[in-house]
Amino acid sequence: MVINVSHFDRIMRVVTGLVLVIAATTGFIGMWGWIGLVPLITGVVGVCPIYRMFGMSSCPIPKTD
C-alpha cells in the first residue's frame, strides 16, 4: 500500500479519532462517537481508502529536477 496521507493529516486524524472514541467511551457523546475509529485507523496506517478511490493524496509531491 502506498501512503497517501501526509504527516500533518495523520496527526489530525489520530487526534480527532482519539477524542471521539474517548468521548464515546466515557458516555459524553452517544454511540456515534465510535465513528472516530475510522480517522484513528487511517491516521495510524497512513492510507485513506477514499483518497485512493478518488486518486487523491495529501502527501507532498516529490520534486523532479
PDB file of N, CA and C in Angstrom:
ATOM      1  N   MET A   1       0.843  -1.179   0.000  1.00  0.00           N
ATOM      2  CA  MET A   1       0.000   0.000   0.000  1.00  0.00           C
ATOM      3  C   MET A   1       0.887   1.240   0.000  1.00  0.00           C
ATOM      4  N   VAL A   2       0.505   2.191  -0.782  1.00  0.00           N
ATOM      5  CA  VAL A   2       1.231   3.444  -0.866  1.00  0.00           C
ATOM      6  C   VAL A   2       0.595   4.441   0.104  1.00  0.00           C
ATOM      7  N   ILE A   3       1.421   5.066   0.916  1.00  0.00           N
ATOM      8  CA  ILE A   3       0.922   6.054   1.875  1.00  0.00           C
ATOM      9  C   ILE A   3       0.410   7.267   1.101  1.00  0.00           C
ATOM     10  N   ASN A   4      -0.839   7.656   1.369  1.00  0.00           N
ATOM     11  CA  ASN A   4      -1.421   8.801   0.682  1.00  0.00           C
ATOM     12  C   ASN A   4      -1.936   9.862   1.651  1.00  0.00           C
ATOM     13  N   VAL A   5      -1.497   9.787   2.907  1.00  0.00           N
ATOM     14  CA  VAL A   5      -1.912  10.747   3.927  1.00  0.00           C
ATOM     15  C   VAL A   5      -0.657  11.423   4.481  1.00  0.00           C
ATOM     16  N   SER A   6      -0.632  12.750   4.427  1.00  0.00           N
ATOM     17  CA  SER A   6       0.552  13.497   4.870  1.00  0.00           C
ATOM     18  C   SER A   6       0.727  13.419   6.389  1.00  0.00           C
ATOM     19  N   HIS A   7       1.887  13.845   6.847  1.00  0.00           N
ATOM     20  CA  HIS A   7       2.218  13.802   8.275  1.00  0.00           C
ATOM     21  C   HIS A   7       1.217  14.627   9.088  1.00  0.00           C
ATOM     22  N   PHE A   8       0.954  15.853   8.667  1.00  0.00           N
ATOM     23  CA  PHE A   8       0.014  16.718   9.387  1.00  0.00           C
ATOM     24  C   PHE A   8      -1.390  16.114   9.379  1.00  0.00           C
ATOM     25  N   ASP A   9      -1.810  15.602   8.232  1.00  0.00           N
ATOM     26  CA  ASP A   9      -3.120  14.975   8.096  1.00  0.00           C
ATOM     27  C   ASP A   9      -3.236  13.771   9.031  1.00  0.00           C
ATOM     28  N   ARG A  10      -2.175  12.990   9.145  1.00  0.00           N
ATOM     29  CA  ARG A  10      -2.178  11.828  10.031  1.00  0.00           C
ATOM     30  C   ARG A  10      -2.342  12.246  11.485  1.00  0.00           C
ATOM     31  N   ILE A  11      -1.625  13.279  11.895  1.00  0.00           N
ATOM     32  CA  ILE A  11      -1.726  13.769  13.276  1.00  0.00           C
ATOM     33  C   ILE A  11      -3.145  14.231  13.566  1.00  0.00           C
ATOM     34  N   MET A  12      -3.727  14.990  12.656  1.00  0.00           N
ATOM     35  CA  MET A  12      -5.090  15.486  12.855  1.00  0.00           C
ATOM     36  C   MET A  12      -6.099  14.341  12.917  1.00  0.00           C
ATOM     37  N   ARG A  13      -5.919  13.323  12.100  1.00  0.00           N
ATOM     38  CA  ARG A  13      -6.823  12.177  12.115  1.00  0.00           C
ATOM     39  C   ARG A  13      -6.722  11.408  13.428  1.00  0.00           C
ATOM     40  N   VAL A  14      -5.506  11.192  13.916  1.00  0.00           N
ATOM     41  CA  VAL A  14      -5.318  10.450  15.165  1.00  0.00           C
ATOM     42  C   VAL A  14      -5.922  11.230  16.336  1.00  0.00           C
ATOM     43  N   VAL A  15      -5.663  12.516  16.401  1.00  0.00           N
ATOM     44  CA  VAL A  15      -6.199  13.332  17.500  1.00  0.00           C
ATOM     45  C   VAL A  15      -7.723  13.349  17.464  1.00  0.00           C
ATOM     46  N   THR A  16      -8.295  13.581  16.294  1.00  0.00           N
ATOM     47  CA  THR A  16      -9.751  13.606  16.159  1.00  0.00           C
ATOM     48  C   THR A  16     -10.357  12.256  16.522  1.00  0.00           C
ATOM     49  N   GLY A  17      -9.758  11.192  16.026  1.00  0.00           N
ATOM     50  CA  GLY A  17     -10.256   9.855  16.325  1.00  0.00           C
ATOM     51  C   GLY A  17     -10.211   9.540  17.810  1.00  0.00           C
ATOM     52  N   LEU A  18      -9.092   9.878  18.449  1.00  0.00           N
ATOM     53  CA  LEU A  18      -8.965   9.628  19.888  1.00  0.00           C
ATOM     54  C   LEU A  18      -9.993  10.409  20.690  1.00  0.00           C
ATOM     55  N   VAL A  19     -10.196  11.666  20.338  1.00  0.00           N
ATOM     56  CA  VAL A  19     -11.170  12.492  21.056  1.00  0.00           C
ATOM     57  C   VAL A  19     -12.568  11.887  20.935  1.00  0.00           C
ATOM     58  N   LEU A  20     -12.949  11.483  19.727  1.00  0.00           N
ATOM     59  CA  LEU A  20     -14.281  10.899  19.538  1.00  0.00           C
ATOM     60  C   LEU A  20     -14.442   9.575  20.277  1.00  0.00           C
ATOM     61  N   VAL A  21     -13.448   8.715  20.207  1.00  0.00           N
ATOM     62  CA  VAL A  21     -13.547   7.408  20.865  1.00  0.00           C
ATOM     63  C   VAL A  21     -13.568   7.571  22.384  1.00  0.00           C
ATOM     64  N   ILE A  22     -12.744   8.444  22.913  1.00  0.00           N
ATOM     65  CA  ILE A  22     -12.736   8.677  24.363  1.00  0.00           C
ATOM     66  C   ILE A  22     -14.065   9.270  24.816  1.00  0.00           C
ATOM     67  N   ALA A  23     -14.600  10.201  24.033  1.00  0.00           N
ATOM     68  CA  ALA A  23     -15.890  10.803  24.387  1.00  0.00           C
ATOM     69  C   ALA A  23     -17.005   9.755  24.351  1.00  0.00           C
ATOM     70  N   ALA A  24     -16.937   8.836  23.392  1.00  0.00           N
ATOM     71  CA  ALA A  24     -17.948   7.771  23.322  1.00  0.00           C
ATOM     72  C   ALA A  24     -17.785   6.792  24.482  1.00  0.00           C
ATOM     73  N   THR A  25     -16.546   6.492  24.837  1.00  0.00           N
ATOM     74  CA  THR A  25     -16.278   5.550  25.929  1.00  0.00           C
ATOM     75  C   THR A  25     -16.769   6.089  27.270  1.00  0.00           C
ATOM     76  N   THR A  26     -16.578   7.374  27.485  1.00  0.00           N
ATOM     77  CA  THR A  26     -16.980   7.973  28.764  1.00  0.00           C
ATOM     78  C   THR A  26     -18.458   8.323  28.812  1.00  0.00           C
ATOM     79  N   GLY A  27     -19.154   8.169  27.689  1.00  0.00           N
ATOM     80  CA  GLY A  27     -20.575   8.480  27.668  1.00  0.00           C
ATOM     81  C   GLY A  27     -20.878   9.944  27.433  1.00  0.00           C
ATOM     82  N   PHE A  28     -19.874  10.740  27.134  1.00  0.00           N
ATOM     83  CA  PHE A  28     -20.083  12.171  26.895  1.00  0.00           C
ATOM     84  C   PHE A  28     -20.903  12.389  25.633  1.00  0.00           C
ATOM     85  N   ILE A  29     -20.655  11.567  24.627  1.00  0.00           N
ATOM     86  CA  ILE A  29     -21.461  11.594  23.409  1.00  0.00           C
ATOM     87  C   ILE A  29     -22.003  10.186  23.180  1.00  0.00           C
ATOM     88  N   GLY A  30     -22.919  10.062  22.280  1.00  0.00           N
ATOM     89  CA  GLY A  30     -23.556   8.766  22.046  1.00  0.00           C
ATOM     90  C   GLY A  30     -22.664   7.784  21.309  1.00  0.00           C
ATOM     91  N   MET A  31     -23.302   6.729  20.846  1.00  0.00           N
ATOM     92  CA  MET A  31     -22.599   5.660  20.143  1.00  0.00           C
ATOM     93  C   MET A  31     -21.960   6.132  18.839  1.00  0.00           C
ATOM     94  N   TRP A  32     -22.458   7.225  18.275  1.00  0.00           N
ATOM     95  CA  TRP A  32     -21.891   7.705  17.014  1.00  0.00           C
ATOM     96  C   TRP A  32     -20.430   8.110  17.177  1.00  0.00           C
ATOM     97  N   GLY A  33     -19.976   8.310  18.362  1.00  0.00           N
ATOM     98  CA  GLY A  33     -18.584   8.666  18.616  1.00  0.00           C
ATOM     99  C   GLY A  33     -17.606   7.576  18.215  1.00  0.00           C
ATOM    100  N   TRP A  34     -18.105   6.339  18.118  1.00  0.00           N
ATOM    101  CA  TRP A  34     -17.240   5.234  17.698  1.00  0.00           C
ATOM    102  C   TRP A  34     -16.815   5.364  16.245  1.00  0.00           C
ATOM    103  N   ILE A  35     -17.450   6.265  15.501  1.00  0.00           N
ATOM    104  CA  ILE A  35     -17.023   6.525  14.121  1.00  0.00           C
ATOM    105  C   ILE A  35     -15.597   7.095  14.128  1.00  0.00           C
ATOM    106  N   GLY A  36     -15.146   7.539  15.284  1.00  0.00           N
ATOM    107  CA  GLY A  36     -13.781   8.035  15.438  1.00  0.00           C
ATOM    108  C   GLY A  36     -12.729   6.974  15.166  1.00  0.00           C
ATOM    109  N   LEU A  37     -13.128   5.708  15.148  1.00  0.00           N
ATOM    110  CA  LEU A  37     -12.181   4.641  14.813  1.00  0.00           C
ATOM    111  C   LEU A  37     -11.689   4.764  13.371  1.00  0.00           C
ATOM    112  N   VAL A  38     -12.526   5.296  12.496  1.00  0.00           N
ATOM    113  CA  VAL A  38     -12.142   5.423  11.084  1.00  0.00           C
ATOM    114  C   VAL A  38     -10.961   6.383  10.922  1.00  0.00           C
ATOM    115  N   PRO A  39     -11.052   7.641  11.385  1.00  0.00           N
ATOM    116  CA  PRO A  39      -9.883   8.515  11.238  1.00  0.00           C
ATOM    117  C   PRO A  39      -8.691   8.028  12.062  1.00  0.00           C
ATOM    118  N   LEU A  40      -8.952   7.389  13.194  1.00  0.00           N
ATOM    119  CA  LEU A  40      -7.858   6.873  14.014  1.00  0.00           C
ATOM    120  C   LEU A  40      -7.065   5.807  13.253  1.00  0.00           C
ATOM    121  N   ILE A  41      -7.753   4.871  12.651  1.00  0.00           N
ATOM    122  CA  ILE A  41      -7.076   3.798  11.913  1.00  0.00           C
ATOM    123  C   ILE A  41      -6.378   4.338  10.670  1.00  0.00           C
ATOM    124  N   THR A  42      -7.052   5.204   9.910  1.00  0.00           N
ATOM    125  CA  THR A  42      -6.412   5.741   8.698  1.00  0.00           C
ATOM    126  C   THR A  42      -5.215   6.621   9.053  1.00  0.00           C
ATOM    127  N   GLY A  43      -5.264   7.289  10.197  1.00  0.00           N
ATOM    128  CA  GLY A  43      -4.127   8.095  10.625  1.00  0.00           C
ATOM    129  C   GLY A  43      -2.940   7.256  11.044  1.00  0.00           C
ATOM    130  N   VAL A  44      -3.206   6.158  11.727  1.00  0.00           N
ATOM    131  CA  VAL A  44      -2.126   5.270  12.173  1.00  0.00           C
ATOM    132  C   VAL A  44      -1.504   4.542  10.980  1.00  0.00           C
ATOM    133  N   VAL A  45      -2.346   4.056  10.082  1.00  0.00           N
ATOM    134  CA  VAL A  45      -1.863   3.283   8.936  1.00  0.00           C
ATOM    135  C   VAL A  45      -1.260   4.192   7.870  1.00  0.00           C
ATOM    136  N   GLY A  46      -1.826   5.382   7.706  1.00  0.00           N
ATOM    137  CA  GLY A  46      -1.322   6.323   6.704  1.00  0.00           C
ATOM    138  C   GLY A  46      -1.925   6.153   5.328  1.00  0.00           C
ATOM    139  N   VAL A  47      -2.976   5.350   5.244  1.00  0.00           N
ATOM    140  CA  VAL A  47      -3.640   5.109   3.964  1.00  0.00           C
ATOM    141  C   VAL A  47      -5.125   5.400   4.120  1.00  0.00           C
ATOM    142  N   CYS A  48      -5.651   6.234   3.246  1.00  0.00           N
ATOM    143  CA  CYS A  48      -7.071   6.551   3.253  1.00  0.00           C
ATOM    144  C   CYS A  48      -7.710   5.955   1.999  1.00  0.00           C
ATOM    145  N   PRO A  49      -8.625   4.994   2.173  1.00  0.00           N
ATOM    146  CA  PRO A  49      -9.252   4.363   1.017  1.00  0.00           C
ATOM    147  C   PRO A  49     -10.056   5.340   0.150  1.00  0.00           C
ATOM    148  N   ILE A  50     -10.652   6.340   0.767  1.00  0.00           N
ATOM    149  CA  ILE A  50     -11.428   7.315  -0.012  1.00  0.00           C
ATOM    150  C   ILE A  50     -10.491   8.164  -0.868  1.00  0.00           C
ATOM    151  N   TYR A  51      -9.343   8.558  -0.322  1.00  0.00           N
ATOM    152  CA  TYR A  51      -8.350   9.277  -1.132  1.00  0.00           C
ATOM    153  C   TYR A  51      -7.955   8.416  -2.329  1.00  0.00           C
ATOM    154  N   ARG A  52      -7.708   7.146  -2.083  1.00  0.00           N
ATOM    155  CA  ARG A  52      -7.293   6.240  -3.153  1.00  0.00           C
ATOM    156  C   ARG A  52      -8.389   6.099  -4.207  1.00  0.00           C
ATOM    157  N   MET A  53      -9.643   6.009  -3.765  1.00  0.00           N
ATOM    158  CA  MET A  53     -10.753   5.843  -4.689  1.00  0.00           C
ATOM    159  C   MET A  53     -10.860   7.028  -5.659  1.00  0.00           C
ATOM    160  N   PHE A  54     -10.571   8.224  -5.169  1.00  0.00           N
ATOM    161  CA  PHE A  54     -10.655   9.419  -5.999  1.00  0.00           C
ATOM    162  C   PHE A  54      -9.304   9.844  -6.575  1.00  0.00           C
ATOM    163  N   GLY A  55      -8.263   9.040  -6.343  1.00  0.00           N
ATOM    164  CA  GLY A  55      -6.944   9.349  -6.886  1.00  0.00           C
ATOM    165  C   GLY A  55      -6.293  10.550  -6.233  1.00  0.00           C
ATOM    166  N   MET A  56      -6.611  10.785  -4.966  1.00  0.00           N
ATOM    167  CA  MET A  56      -6.083  11.939  -4.236  1.00  0.00           C
ATOM    168  C   MET A  56      -4.955  11.511  -3.303  1.00  0.00           C
ATOM    169  N   SER A  57      -4.202  12.502  -2.855  1.00  0.00           N
ATOM    170  CA  SER A  57      -3.159  12.288  -1.864  1.00  0.00           C
ATOM    171  C   SER A  57      -2.863  13.617  -1.186  1.00  0.00           C
ATOM    172  N   SER A  58      -2.669  13.598   0.125  1.00  0.00           N
ATOM    173  CA  SER A  58      -2.302  14.832   0.822  1.00  0.00           C
ATOM    174  C   SER A  58      -0.789  14.876   1.065  1.00  0.00           C
ATOM    175  N   CYS A  59      -0.076  13.843   0.594  1.00  0.00           N
ATOM    176  CA  CYS A  59       1.381  13.826   0.702  1.00  0.00           C
ATOM    177  C   CYS A  59       1.971  14.798  -0.314  1.00  0.00           C
ATOM    178  N   PRO A  60       3.041  15.470   0.077  1.00  0.00           N
ATOM    179  CA  PRO A  60       3.680  16.375  -0.883  1.00  0.00           C
ATOM    180  C   PRO A  60       4.260  15.580  -2.052  1.00  0.00           C
ATOM    181  N   ILE A  61       4.171  16.167  -3.230  1.00  0.00           N
ATOM    182  CA  ILE A  61       4.708  15.535  -4.426  1.00  0.00           C
ATOM    183  C   ILE A  61       6.215  15.780  -4.461  1.00  0.00           C
ATOM    184  N   PRO A  62       7.002  14.715  -4.593  1.00  0.00           N
ATOM    185  CA  PRO A  62       8.460  14.912  -4.657  1.00  0.00           C
ATOM    186  C   PRO A  62       8.862  15.685  -5.904  1.00  0.00           C
ATOM    187  N   LYS A  63       9.822  16.577  -5.735  1.00  0.00           N
ATOM    188  CA  LYS A  63      10.280  17.386  -6.861  1.00  0.00           C
ATOM    189  C   LYS A  63      11.175  16.550  -7.770  1.00  0.00           C
ATOM    190  N   THR A  64      10.970  16.707  -9.046  1.00  0.00           N
ATOM    191  CA  THR A  64      11.839  16.040 -10.014  1.00  0.00           C
ATOM    192  C   THR A  64      12.594  17.120 -10.780  1.00  0.00           C
ATOM    193  N   ASP A  65      13.889  17.038 -10.744  1.00  0.00           N
ATOM    194  CA  ASP A  65      14.704  18.054 -11.415  1.00  0.00           C
ATOM    195  C   ASP A  65      15.143  17.577 -12.775  1.00  0.00           C
TER     196      ASP A  65
END
